N, C-alpha and C. Protein backbone atom coordinates (compact mmCIF):
# COMPACT_ATOMS: atom_id res chain seq x y z
N MET A 1 185.88 193.56 209.12
CA MET A 1 184.51 194.00 209.24
C MET A 1 184.16 195.00 208.13
N LYS A 2 185.09 195.90 207.83
CA LYS A 2 184.87 196.88 206.78
C LYS A 2 184.74 196.19 205.42
N LYS A 3 185.53 195.12 205.22
CA LYS A 3 185.48 194.38 203.96
C LYS A 3 184.10 193.72 203.80
N LEU A 4 183.59 193.15 204.88
CA LEU A 4 182.29 192.50 204.83
C LEU A 4 181.19 193.52 204.52
N ALA A 5 181.26 194.67 205.15
CA ALA A 5 180.27 195.71 204.90
C ALA A 5 180.36 196.18 203.45
N PHE A 6 181.59 196.33 202.93
CA PHE A 6 181.78 196.75 201.55
C PHE A 6 181.20 195.73 200.57
N ILE A 7 181.43 194.45 200.85
CA ILE A 7 180.91 193.39 199.98
C ILE A 7 179.38 193.38 200.00
N LEU A 8 178.79 193.52 201.18
CA LEU A 8 177.33 193.53 201.28
C LEU A 8 176.71 194.73 200.56
N VAL A 9 177.32 195.89 200.73
CA VAL A 9 176.81 197.09 200.06
C VAL A 9 176.97 196.95 198.54
N SER A 10 178.10 196.40 198.11
CA SER A 10 178.33 196.20 196.67
C SER A 10 177.29 195.25 196.09
N LEU A 11 177.03 194.15 196.78
CA LEU A 11 176.02 193.21 196.32
C LEU A 11 174.65 193.86 196.24
N LEU A 12 174.34 194.65 197.24
CA LEU A 12 173.06 195.32 197.27
C LEU A 12 172.91 196.29 196.09
N LEU A 13 173.95 197.05 195.79
CA LEU A 13 173.90 198.00 194.68
C LEU A 13 173.77 197.29 193.34
N PHE A 14 174.53 196.22 193.16
CA PHE A 14 174.48 195.50 191.88
C PHE A 14 173.16 194.75 191.71
N SER A 15 172.59 194.29 192.80
CA SER A 15 171.33 193.55 192.69
C SER A 15 170.15 194.47 192.40
N CYS A 16 170.29 195.75 192.70
CA CYS A 16 169.20 196.69 192.44
C CYS A 16 169.15 197.14 190.99
N GLY A 17 170.19 196.89 190.23
CA GLY A 17 170.21 197.30 188.83
C GLY A 17 169.17 196.55 188.03
N GLU A 18 168.63 197.22 187.02
CA GLU A 18 167.60 196.61 186.19
C GLU A 18 168.27 195.61 185.25
N GLU A 19 167.90 194.36 185.39
CA GLU A 19 168.47 193.31 184.56
C GLU A 19 167.51 193.03 183.42
N THR A 20 167.95 193.28 182.20
CA THR A 20 167.09 193.07 181.06
C THR A 20 167.58 191.85 180.27
N VAL A 21 166.67 191.24 179.58
CA VAL A 21 167.00 190.10 178.75
C VAL A 21 167.46 190.62 177.40
N GLU A 22 168.53 190.05 176.89
CA GLU A 22 169.04 190.48 175.60
C GLU A 22 168.06 190.10 174.49
N LYS A 23 167.99 190.94 173.48
CA LYS A 23 167.12 190.68 172.34
C LYS A 23 167.70 189.50 171.56
N PRO A 24 166.91 188.43 171.39
CA PRO A 24 167.43 187.28 170.66
C PRO A 24 167.60 187.58 169.17
N LYS A 25 168.49 186.82 168.52
CA LYS A 25 168.76 187.03 167.10
C LYS A 25 167.52 186.75 166.25
N ASN A 26 166.80 185.71 166.58
CA ASN A 26 165.62 185.30 165.81
C ASN A 26 164.33 185.70 166.53
N LEU A 27 164.25 186.93 166.96
CA LEU A 27 163.07 187.39 167.70
C LEU A 27 161.83 187.34 166.82
N LEU A 28 160.78 186.70 167.34
CA LEU A 28 159.51 186.66 166.63
C LEU A 28 158.82 188.01 166.79
N SER A 29 158.08 188.43 165.78
CA SER A 29 157.39 189.72 165.86
C SER A 29 156.32 189.66 166.96
N GLU A 30 155.96 190.83 167.44
CA GLU A 30 154.96 190.90 168.51
C GLU A 30 153.62 190.33 168.05
N ASP A 31 153.23 190.62 166.81
CA ASP A 31 151.96 190.11 166.28
C ASP A 31 151.99 188.58 166.16
N LYS A 32 153.12 188.05 165.73
CA LYS A 32 153.25 186.60 165.60
C LYS A 32 153.19 185.94 166.98
N MET A 33 153.80 186.59 167.98
CA MET A 33 153.75 186.05 169.35
C MET A 33 152.32 186.08 169.88
N VAL A 34 151.58 187.14 169.60
CA VAL A 34 150.19 187.23 170.03
C VAL A 34 149.38 186.09 169.41
N ASP A 35 149.59 185.87 168.11
CA ASP A 35 148.87 184.80 167.42
C ASP A 35 149.24 183.43 168.01
N MET A 36 150.52 183.24 168.30
CA MET A 36 150.95 181.96 168.87
C MET A 36 150.37 181.76 170.27
N LEU A 37 150.40 182.81 171.09
CA LEU A 37 149.85 182.71 172.45
C LEU A 37 148.35 182.45 172.40
N TYR A 38 147.66 183.05 171.43
CA TYR A 38 146.23 182.80 171.25
C TYR A 38 145.99 181.34 170.91
N ASP A 39 146.72 180.81 169.93
CA ASP A 39 146.55 179.42 169.53
C ASP A 39 146.89 178.46 170.68
N ILE A 40 147.91 178.80 171.44
CA ILE A 40 148.27 177.97 172.59
C ILE A 40 147.14 177.97 173.62
N SER A 41 146.54 179.14 173.84
CA SER A 41 145.42 179.24 174.79
C SER A 41 144.24 178.39 174.34
N VAL A 42 143.94 178.45 173.05
CA VAL A 42 142.82 177.68 172.51
C VAL A 42 143.10 176.18 172.65
N LEU A 43 144.31 175.77 172.29
CA LEU A 43 144.67 174.35 172.39
C LEU A 43 144.65 173.87 173.84
N GLN A 44 145.11 174.71 174.76
CA GLN A 44 145.05 174.33 176.18
C GLN A 44 143.62 174.20 176.66
N ALA A 45 142.74 175.08 176.19
CA ALA A 45 141.32 175.00 176.57
C ALA A 45 140.71 173.71 176.03
N ILE A 46 141.01 173.39 174.79
CA ILE A 46 140.50 172.14 174.21
C ILE A 46 141.03 170.95 174.98
N ASN A 47 142.30 170.98 175.31
CA ASN A 47 142.90 169.88 176.06
C ASN A 47 142.30 169.74 177.45
N SER A 48 141.89 170.85 178.05
CA SER A 48 141.30 170.80 179.39
C SER A 48 139.88 170.27 179.37
N PHE A 49 139.10 170.69 178.38
CA PHE A 49 137.69 170.35 178.37
C PHE A 49 137.33 169.16 177.49
N MET A 50 138.09 168.94 176.44
CA MET A 50 137.81 167.82 175.55
C MET A 50 139.12 167.19 175.08
N PRO A 51 139.89 166.58 175.96
CA PRO A 51 141.19 166.04 175.55
C PRO A 51 141.08 164.98 174.46
N GLN A 52 139.96 164.28 174.42
CA GLN A 52 139.78 163.24 173.40
C GLN A 52 139.72 163.84 172.01
N ALA A 53 139.32 165.11 171.88
CA ALA A 53 139.24 165.76 170.57
C ALA A 53 140.62 165.86 169.92
N LEU A 54 141.62 166.20 170.71
CA LEU A 54 142.97 166.28 170.17
C LEU A 54 143.50 164.89 169.84
N ASP A 55 143.22 163.92 170.71
CA ASP A 55 143.67 162.56 170.47
C ASP A 55 143.00 161.96 169.24
N THR A 56 141.70 162.16 169.12
CA THR A 56 140.94 161.61 167.99
C THR A 56 141.47 162.16 166.67
N ASN A 57 141.77 163.45 166.65
CA ASN A 57 142.26 164.09 165.43
C ASN A 57 143.78 164.04 165.29
N LYS A 58 144.42 163.34 166.22
CA LYS A 58 145.88 163.15 166.20
C LYS A 58 146.62 164.48 166.10
N VAL A 59 146.22 165.42 166.96
CA VAL A 59 146.86 166.73 167.00
C VAL A 59 147.77 166.79 168.21
N GLU A 60 149.06 167.00 167.95
CA GLU A 60 150.00 167.23 169.05
C GLU A 60 150.22 168.74 169.09
N ALA A 61 149.81 169.36 170.18
CA ALA A 61 149.74 170.82 170.27
C ALA A 61 151.07 171.50 169.93
N LYS A 62 152.14 171.07 170.55
CA LYS A 62 153.43 171.73 170.32
C LYS A 62 153.86 171.62 168.86
N HIS A 63 153.76 170.44 168.31
CA HIS A 63 154.15 170.25 166.91
C HIS A 63 153.28 171.09 165.99
N TYR A 64 152.00 171.15 166.27
CA TYR A 64 151.07 171.95 165.46
C TYR A 64 151.46 173.42 165.47
N ILE A 65 151.73 173.97 166.66
CA ILE A 65 152.07 175.39 166.78
C ILE A 65 153.37 175.70 166.04
N PHE A 66 154.40 174.90 166.26
CA PHE A 66 155.70 175.20 165.65
C PHE A 66 155.66 175.00 164.13
N THR A 67 154.87 174.06 163.66
CA THR A 67 154.73 173.86 162.22
C THR A 67 153.94 175.00 161.59
N LYS A 68 152.83 175.39 162.23
CA LYS A 68 151.97 176.45 161.69
C LYS A 68 152.73 177.77 161.56
N TYR A 69 153.55 178.10 162.54
CA TYR A 69 154.26 179.38 162.53
C TYR A 69 155.70 179.27 162.03
N LYS A 70 156.07 178.10 161.53
CA LYS A 70 157.39 177.86 160.95
C LYS A 70 158.52 178.35 161.86
N THR A 71 158.49 177.88 163.09
CA THR A 71 159.52 178.24 164.06
C THR A 71 159.86 177.01 164.89
N ASP A 72 160.74 177.18 165.84
CA ASP A 72 161.10 176.06 166.72
C ASP A 72 160.92 176.46 168.18
N SER A 73 161.05 175.48 169.03
CA SER A 73 160.79 175.71 170.45
C SER A 73 161.79 176.68 171.07
N LEU A 74 163.05 176.64 170.63
CA LEU A 74 164.07 177.53 171.19
C LEU A 74 163.77 178.98 170.83
N THR A 75 163.43 179.23 169.57
CA THR A 75 163.10 180.59 169.14
C THR A 75 161.88 181.10 169.90
N PHE A 76 160.87 180.25 170.04
CA PHE A 76 159.67 180.65 170.79
C PHE A 76 160.02 180.96 172.24
N ALA A 77 160.80 180.08 172.88
CA ALA A 77 161.15 180.28 174.30
C ALA A 77 161.95 181.56 174.49
N GLN A 78 162.90 181.82 173.61
CA GLN A 78 163.71 183.04 173.74
C GLN A 78 162.86 184.29 173.50
N SER A 79 162.00 184.24 172.51
CA SER A 79 161.12 185.38 172.24
C SER A 79 160.15 185.61 173.39
N HIS A 80 159.60 184.53 173.91
CA HIS A 80 158.66 184.63 175.03
C HIS A 80 159.36 185.24 176.25
N GLU A 81 160.56 184.79 176.53
CA GLU A 81 161.31 185.33 177.67
C GLU A 81 161.61 186.81 177.46
N TYR A 82 161.96 187.19 176.24
CA TYR A 82 162.26 188.58 175.94
C TYR A 82 161.04 189.47 176.16
N TYR A 83 159.90 189.06 175.59
CA TYR A 83 158.69 189.87 175.75
C TYR A 83 158.19 189.88 177.19
N ALA A 84 158.32 188.76 177.89
CA ALA A 84 157.86 188.67 179.28
C ALA A 84 158.73 189.51 180.22
N SER A 85 159.95 189.83 179.81
CA SER A 85 160.81 190.64 180.67
C SER A 85 160.34 192.09 180.74
N ASP A 86 159.55 192.52 179.76
CA ASP A 86 158.96 193.86 179.77
C ASP A 86 157.48 193.69 180.11
N MET A 87 157.15 193.86 181.37
CA MET A 87 155.80 193.55 181.86
C MET A 87 154.71 194.37 181.16
N GLU A 88 154.97 195.62 180.85
CA GLU A 88 153.94 196.44 180.20
C GLU A 88 153.65 195.93 178.80
N LYS A 89 154.70 195.61 178.05
CA LYS A 89 154.51 195.09 176.69
C LYS A 89 153.82 193.73 176.74
N TYR A 90 154.24 192.90 177.69
CA TYR A 90 153.67 191.56 177.80
C TYR A 90 152.19 191.63 178.21
N GLU A 91 151.86 192.57 179.09
CA GLU A 91 150.47 192.75 179.49
C GLU A 91 149.62 193.20 178.30
N ASP A 92 150.16 194.08 177.47
CA ASP A 92 149.45 194.49 176.25
C ASP A 92 149.22 193.30 175.32
N MET A 93 150.23 192.45 175.21
CA MET A 93 150.09 191.26 174.37
C MET A 93 149.00 190.34 174.92
N GLN A 94 148.97 190.17 176.22
CA GLN A 94 147.95 189.31 176.84
C GLN A 94 146.55 189.91 176.66
N LYS A 95 146.44 191.23 176.69
CA LYS A 95 145.15 191.89 176.45
C LYS A 95 144.69 191.65 175.02
N LYS A 96 145.63 191.65 174.07
CA LYS A 96 145.29 191.37 172.68
C LYS A 96 144.78 189.93 172.54
N VAL A 97 145.44 189.00 173.24
CA VAL A 97 145.00 187.60 173.21
C VAL A 97 143.59 187.49 173.79
N ALA A 98 143.36 188.15 174.92
CA ALA A 98 142.04 188.11 175.56
C ALA A 98 140.98 188.72 174.65
N ALA A 99 141.32 189.79 173.92
CA ALA A 99 140.38 190.42 173.00
C ALA A 99 140.03 189.47 171.86
N LYS A 100 141.01 188.74 171.36
CA LYS A 100 140.74 187.77 170.28
C LYS A 100 139.83 186.66 170.78
N ILE A 101 140.05 186.22 172.00
CA ILE A 101 139.20 185.17 172.58
C ILE A 101 137.78 185.68 172.76
N ALA A 102 137.64 186.91 173.27
CA ALA A 102 136.32 187.50 173.45
C ALA A 102 135.60 187.65 172.11
N LYS A 103 136.33 188.04 171.08
CA LYS A 103 135.75 188.18 169.73
C LYS A 103 135.27 186.83 169.22
N ASP A 104 136.04 185.80 169.46
CA ASP A 104 135.64 184.45 169.03
C ASP A 104 134.42 183.95 169.80
N LYS A 105 134.32 184.31 171.08
CA LYS A 105 133.14 183.92 171.85
C LYS A 105 131.87 184.51 171.25
N VAL A 106 131.95 185.75 170.82
CA VAL A 106 130.80 186.39 170.17
C VAL A 106 130.55 185.73 168.81
N LYS A 107 131.61 185.50 168.06
CA LYS A 107 131.50 184.90 166.73
C LYS A 107 130.80 183.55 166.77
N TYR A 108 131.12 182.74 167.78
CA TYR A 108 130.55 181.40 167.87
C TYR A 108 129.32 181.33 168.77
N GLY A 109 128.81 182.48 169.18
CA GLY A 109 127.56 182.54 169.92
C GLY A 109 127.66 182.13 171.38
N LEU A 110 128.86 182.17 171.95
CA LEU A 110 129.02 181.82 173.35
C LEU A 110 128.68 182.97 174.28
N THR A 111 128.83 184.19 173.79
CA THR A 111 128.42 185.38 174.54
C THR A 111 127.80 186.37 173.56
N LYS A 112 127.05 187.30 174.11
CA LYS A 112 126.45 188.35 173.28
C LYS A 112 127.44 189.50 173.15
N LYS A 113 127.31 190.24 172.10
CA LYS A 113 128.21 191.36 171.84
C LYS A 113 128.13 192.39 172.97
N GLU A 114 126.93 192.56 173.55
CA GLU A 114 126.77 193.54 174.64
C GLU A 114 127.51 193.12 175.90
N ASP A 115 127.72 191.80 176.07
CA ASP A 115 128.39 191.30 177.28
C ASP A 115 129.89 191.51 177.25
N VAL A 116 130.45 191.72 176.06
CA VAL A 116 131.90 191.88 175.93
C VAL A 116 132.26 193.31 176.24
N LYS A 117 133.22 193.48 177.15
CA LYS A 117 133.66 194.81 177.53
C LYS A 117 134.58 195.36 176.45
N PRO A 118 134.54 196.67 176.21
CA PRO A 118 135.35 197.25 175.14
C PRO A 118 136.85 197.14 175.38
N SER A 119 137.28 196.90 176.59
CA SER A 119 138.71 196.82 176.88
C SER A 119 139.33 195.50 176.45
N GLY A 120 138.54 194.64 175.81
CA GLY A 120 139.11 193.39 175.33
C GLY A 120 138.82 192.24 176.25
N GLY A 121 137.71 192.24 176.91
CA GLY A 121 137.34 191.11 177.74
C GLY A 121 137.90 191.14 179.13
N ASP A 122 138.31 192.30 179.60
CA ASP A 122 138.85 192.40 180.95
C ASP A 122 137.76 192.09 181.97
N THR A 123 137.99 191.11 182.80
CA THR A 123 136.99 190.71 183.79
C THR A 123 137.50 190.98 185.20
N SER A 124 138.14 192.15 185.38
CA SER A 124 138.72 192.44 186.68
C SER A 124 137.66 192.59 187.77
N SER A 125 136.45 192.97 187.40
CA SER A 125 135.41 193.09 188.41
C SER A 125 134.94 191.73 188.86
N GLY A 126 135.17 190.71 188.06
CA GLY A 126 134.85 189.34 188.44
C GLY A 126 133.40 189.00 188.19
N PRO A 127 133.11 187.71 188.19
CA PRO A 127 131.73 187.28 187.96
C PRO A 127 130.87 187.55 189.18
N LYS A 128 129.59 187.64 188.93
CA LYS A 128 128.64 187.82 190.03
C LYS A 128 128.43 186.46 190.68
N ILE A 129 128.64 186.39 191.98
CA ILE A 129 128.53 185.13 192.70
C ILE A 129 127.39 185.22 193.70
N ARG A 130 126.49 184.27 193.60
CA ARG A 130 125.39 184.21 194.56
C ARG A 130 125.89 183.57 195.83
N PRO A 131 125.36 183.98 196.99
CA PRO A 131 125.75 183.32 198.22
C PRO A 131 125.23 181.88 198.24
N ARG A 132 126.05 181.00 198.70
CA ARG A 132 125.67 179.60 198.77
C ARG A 132 124.70 179.39 199.92
N THR A 133 123.71 178.55 199.71
CA THR A 133 122.76 178.27 200.79
C THR A 133 122.97 176.84 201.26
N ARG A 134 122.66 176.60 202.49
CA ARG A 134 122.76 175.25 203.04
C ARG A 134 121.53 175.00 203.90
N THR A 135 121.22 173.76 204.09
CA THR A 135 120.04 173.39 204.86
C THR A 135 120.43 173.22 206.32
N VAL A 136 119.67 173.86 207.19
CA VAL A 136 119.89 173.76 208.63
C VAL A 136 118.62 173.19 209.25
N LYS A 137 118.79 172.24 210.13
CA LYS A 137 117.63 171.66 210.79
C LYS A 137 117.28 172.49 212.02
N ALA A 138 116.02 172.88 212.09
CA ALA A 138 115.55 173.66 213.23
C ALA A 138 114.28 173.01 213.74
N SER A 139 114.08 173.08 215.01
CA SER A 139 112.86 172.47 215.55
C SER A 139 111.86 173.57 215.85
N ASP A 140 110.58 173.23 215.68
CA ASP A 140 109.54 174.20 216.01
C ASP A 140 109.03 173.90 217.42
N SER A 141 107.96 174.54 217.84
CA SER A 141 107.46 174.39 219.21
C SER A 141 106.96 172.98 219.51
N SER A 142 106.62 172.22 218.47
CA SER A 142 106.12 170.86 218.71
C SER A 142 107.26 169.87 218.89
N GLY A 143 108.49 170.32 218.67
CA GLY A 143 109.63 169.43 218.84
C GLY A 143 110.02 168.74 217.55
N LYS A 144 109.27 168.96 216.46
CA LYS A 144 109.59 168.34 215.18
C LYS A 144 110.73 169.12 214.52
N VAL A 145 111.61 168.39 213.88
CA VAL A 145 112.72 169.01 213.17
C VAL A 145 112.30 169.28 211.74
N ARG A 146 112.46 170.51 211.29
CA ARG A 146 112.12 170.87 209.93
C ARG A 146 113.32 171.59 209.29
N PRO A 147 113.59 171.29 208.04
CA PRO A 147 114.73 171.96 207.38
C PRO A 147 114.38 173.38 206.98
N ARG A 148 115.38 174.24 207.00
CA ARG A 148 115.20 175.61 206.49
C ARG A 148 116.52 176.03 205.87
N LYS A 149 116.43 176.92 204.90
CA LYS A 149 117.62 177.38 204.19
C LYS A 149 118.13 178.67 204.81
N VAL A 150 119.44 178.73 204.96
CA VAL A 150 120.08 179.94 205.44
C VAL A 150 121.29 180.21 204.56
N ALA A 151 121.72 181.45 204.53
CA ALA A 151 122.90 181.82 203.74
C ALA A 151 124.14 181.25 204.40
N ALA A 152 125.09 180.85 203.57
CA ALA A 152 126.37 180.31 204.08
C ALA A 152 127.13 181.40 204.80
N GLU A 153 127.89 181.01 205.75
CA GLU A 153 128.63 181.99 206.55
C GLU A 153 130.00 182.23 206.00
């Protein structure tokens, strides 16, 4: 019984230690990772909204990214894992990506400069949502059914 308790306590102590990812030999710079994550986000958006655009132009997203930044998938995966293991650094990188996207939205006239928040496009407050309305049939004193709008519950 004492051995079992010792093993459980040992496992608990070792599992509480901070496990960090080793720095890879070919670590991509933080700025290069931000640029790559930005390009990946743009390509994913294009693929979601206009997949035929990539097909028409014969663009394969992964090949394009790795060729543009002169790297390979293993180096990218190891660097991504390394940066993602430090949540504060990774969050800063994601904020930089969001800021670049917000800047491009203004550049291409998708949003006004006043609409962009100075923190880099942080939308934590969320969009303004109107309550949904639905039609409910109600009868008046004559017995006729007439539609009326009420707020969704």
